[in-house]
Amino acid sequence: MLSTGQIIFAVCFFIAFVAIMIVSYRRDKKLHKKQYKGSIWILVGFLVFFSLLLAAKLYFME
């Protein structure tokens, strides 16, 4: 079981980590739009490929 001090540390760490990530993302937002333009198509392709694999698995299991 976790002690009270460990729980307090975990909560403080989580809050600080999320705050730093938000600040970092906002700072790099303009750069991300420039460098990762069109990256949504990679995600779409991955999801289509995964769906095809799942469909093939379900089809051949029956």
C-alpha atoms as a PDB file:
ATOM      1  CA  MET A   1       0.000   0.000   0.000  1.00  0.00           C
ATOM      2  CA  LEU A   2       1.111   3.546  -0.606  1.00  0.00           C
ATOM      3  CA  SER A   3       1.867   5.918   2.213  1.00  0.00           C
ATOM      4  CA  THR A   4       0.318   9.381   2.442  1.00  0.00           C
ATOM      5  CA  GLY A   5       3.596  10.990   1.385  1.00  0.00           C
ATOM      6  CA  GLN A   6       3.817   8.819  -1.722  1.00  0.00           C
ATOM      7  CA  ILE A   7       0.272   9.679  -2.733  1.00  0.00           C
ATOM      8  CA  ILE A   8       0.909  13.405  -2.254  1.00  0.00           C
ATOM      9  CA  PHE A   9       4.103  13.131  -4.315  1.00  0.00           C
ATOM     10  CA  ALA A  10       2.290  11.241  -7.082  1.00  0.00           C
ATOM     11  CA  VAL A  11      -0.484  13.829  -7.279  1.00  0.00           C
ATOM     12  CA  CYS A  12       1.985  16.747  -7.302  1.00  0.00           C
ATOM     13  CA  PHE A  13       4.132  15.014  -9.927  1.00  0.00           C
ATOM     14  CA  PHE A  14       1.117  14.333 -12.140  1.00  0.00           C
ATOM     15  CA  ILE A  15      -0.093  17.941 -11.933  1.00  0.00           C
ATOM     16  CA  ALA A  16       3.383  19.318 -12.691  1.00  0.00           C
ATOM     17  CA  PHE A  17       3.899  16.868 -15.561  1.00  0.00           C
ATOM     18  CA  VAL A  18       0.587  17.741 -17.204  1.00  0.00           C
ATOM     19  CA  ALA A  19       1.229  21.482 -16.783  1.00  0.00           C
ATOM     20  CA  ILE A  20       4.685  21.211 -18.368  1.00  0.00           C
ATOM     21  CA  MET A  21       3.297  19.166 -21.264  1.00  0.00           C
ATOM     22  CA  ILE A  22       0.567  21.755 -21.926  1.00  0.00           C
ATOM     23  CA  VAL A  23       3.075  24.623 -21.887  1.00  0.00           C
ATOM     24  CA  SER A  24       5.454  22.714 -24.183  1.00  0.00           C
ATOM     25  CA  TYR A  25       2.705  21.847 -26.631  1.00  0.00           C
ATOM     26  CA  ARG A  26       1.474  25.433 -26.806  1.00  0.00           C
ATOM     27  CA  ARG A  27       5.014  26.671 -27.390  1.00  0.00           C
ATOM     28  CA  ASP A  28       5.571  24.227 -30.270  1.00  0.00           C
ATOM     29  CA  LYS A  29       2.084  24.362 -31.775  1.00  0.00           C
ATOM     30  CA  LYS A  30       3.081  26.507 -34.755  1.00  0.00           C
ATOM     31  CA  LEU A  31       6.060  24.282 -35.530  1.00  0.00           C
ATOM     32  CA  HIS A  32       3.952  21.122 -35.294  1.00  0.00           C
ATOM     33  CA  LYS A  33       1.436  22.448 -37.816  1.00  0.00           C
ATOM     34  CA  LYS A  34       4.281  23.075 -40.261  1.00  0.00           C
ATOM     35  CA  GLN A  35       6.243  19.833 -39.834  1.00  0.00           C
ATOM     36  CA  TYR A  36       3.445  17.309 -39.287  1.00  0.00           C
ATOM     37  CA  LYS A  37       1.099  18.558 -41.979  1.00  0.00           C
ATOM     38  CA  GLY A  38      -0.864  15.634 -43.426  1.00  0.00           C
ATOM     39  CA  SER A  39       0.135  13.166 -40.741  1.00  0.00           C
ATOM     40  CA  ILE A  40      -3.536  12.346 -40.145  1.00  0.00           C
ATOM     41  CA  TRP A  41      -3.379  10.180 -43.288  1.00  0.00           C
ATOM     42  CA  ILE A  42      -0.781   7.960 -41.639  1.00  0.00           C
ATOM     43  CA  LEU A  43      -3.221   7.348 -38.788  1.00  0.00           C
ATOM     44  CA  VAL A  44      -6.068   6.666 -41.229  1.00  0.00           C
ATOM     45  CA  GLY A  45      -3.898   4.199 -43.138  1.00  0.00           C
ATOM     46  CA  PHE A  46      -2.883   2.415 -39.953  1.00  0.00           C
ATOM     47  CA  LEU A  47      -6.505   2.118 -38.805  1.00  0.00           C
ATOM     48  CA  VAL A  48      -7.579   0.753 -42.212  1.00  0.00           C
ATOM     49  CA  PHE A  49      -4.737  -1.782 -42.180  1.00  0.00           C
ATOM     50  CA  PHE A  50      -5.574  -2.859 -38.631  1.00  0.00           C
ATOM     51  CA  SER A  51      -9.260  -3.194 -39.540  1.00  0.00           C
ATOM     52  CA  LEU A  52      -8.364  -5.386 -42.517  1.00  0.00           C
ATOM     53  CA  LEU A  53      -6.216  -7.620 -40.329  1.00  0.00           C
ATOM     54  CA  LEU A  54      -9.003  -7.928 -37.789  1.00  0.00           C
ATOM     55  CA  ALA A  55     -11.564  -8.679 -40.493  1.00  0.00           C
ATOM     56  CA  ALA A  56      -9.296 -11.364 -42.015  1.00  0.00           C
ATOM     57  CA  LYS A  57      -8.774 -12.939 -38.607  1.00  0.00           C
ATOM     58  CA  LEU A  58     -12.490 -13.032 -37.851  1.00  0.00           C
ATOM     59  CA  TYR A  59     -13.280 -14.369 -41.340  1.00  0.00           C
ATOM     60  CA  PHE A  60     -10.766 -17.214 -41.208  1.00  0.00           C
ATOM     61  CA  MET A  61     -11.568 -18.232 -37.625  1.00  0.00           C
ATOM     62  CA  GLU A  62     -15.100 -19.321 -38.550  1.00  0.00           C
END
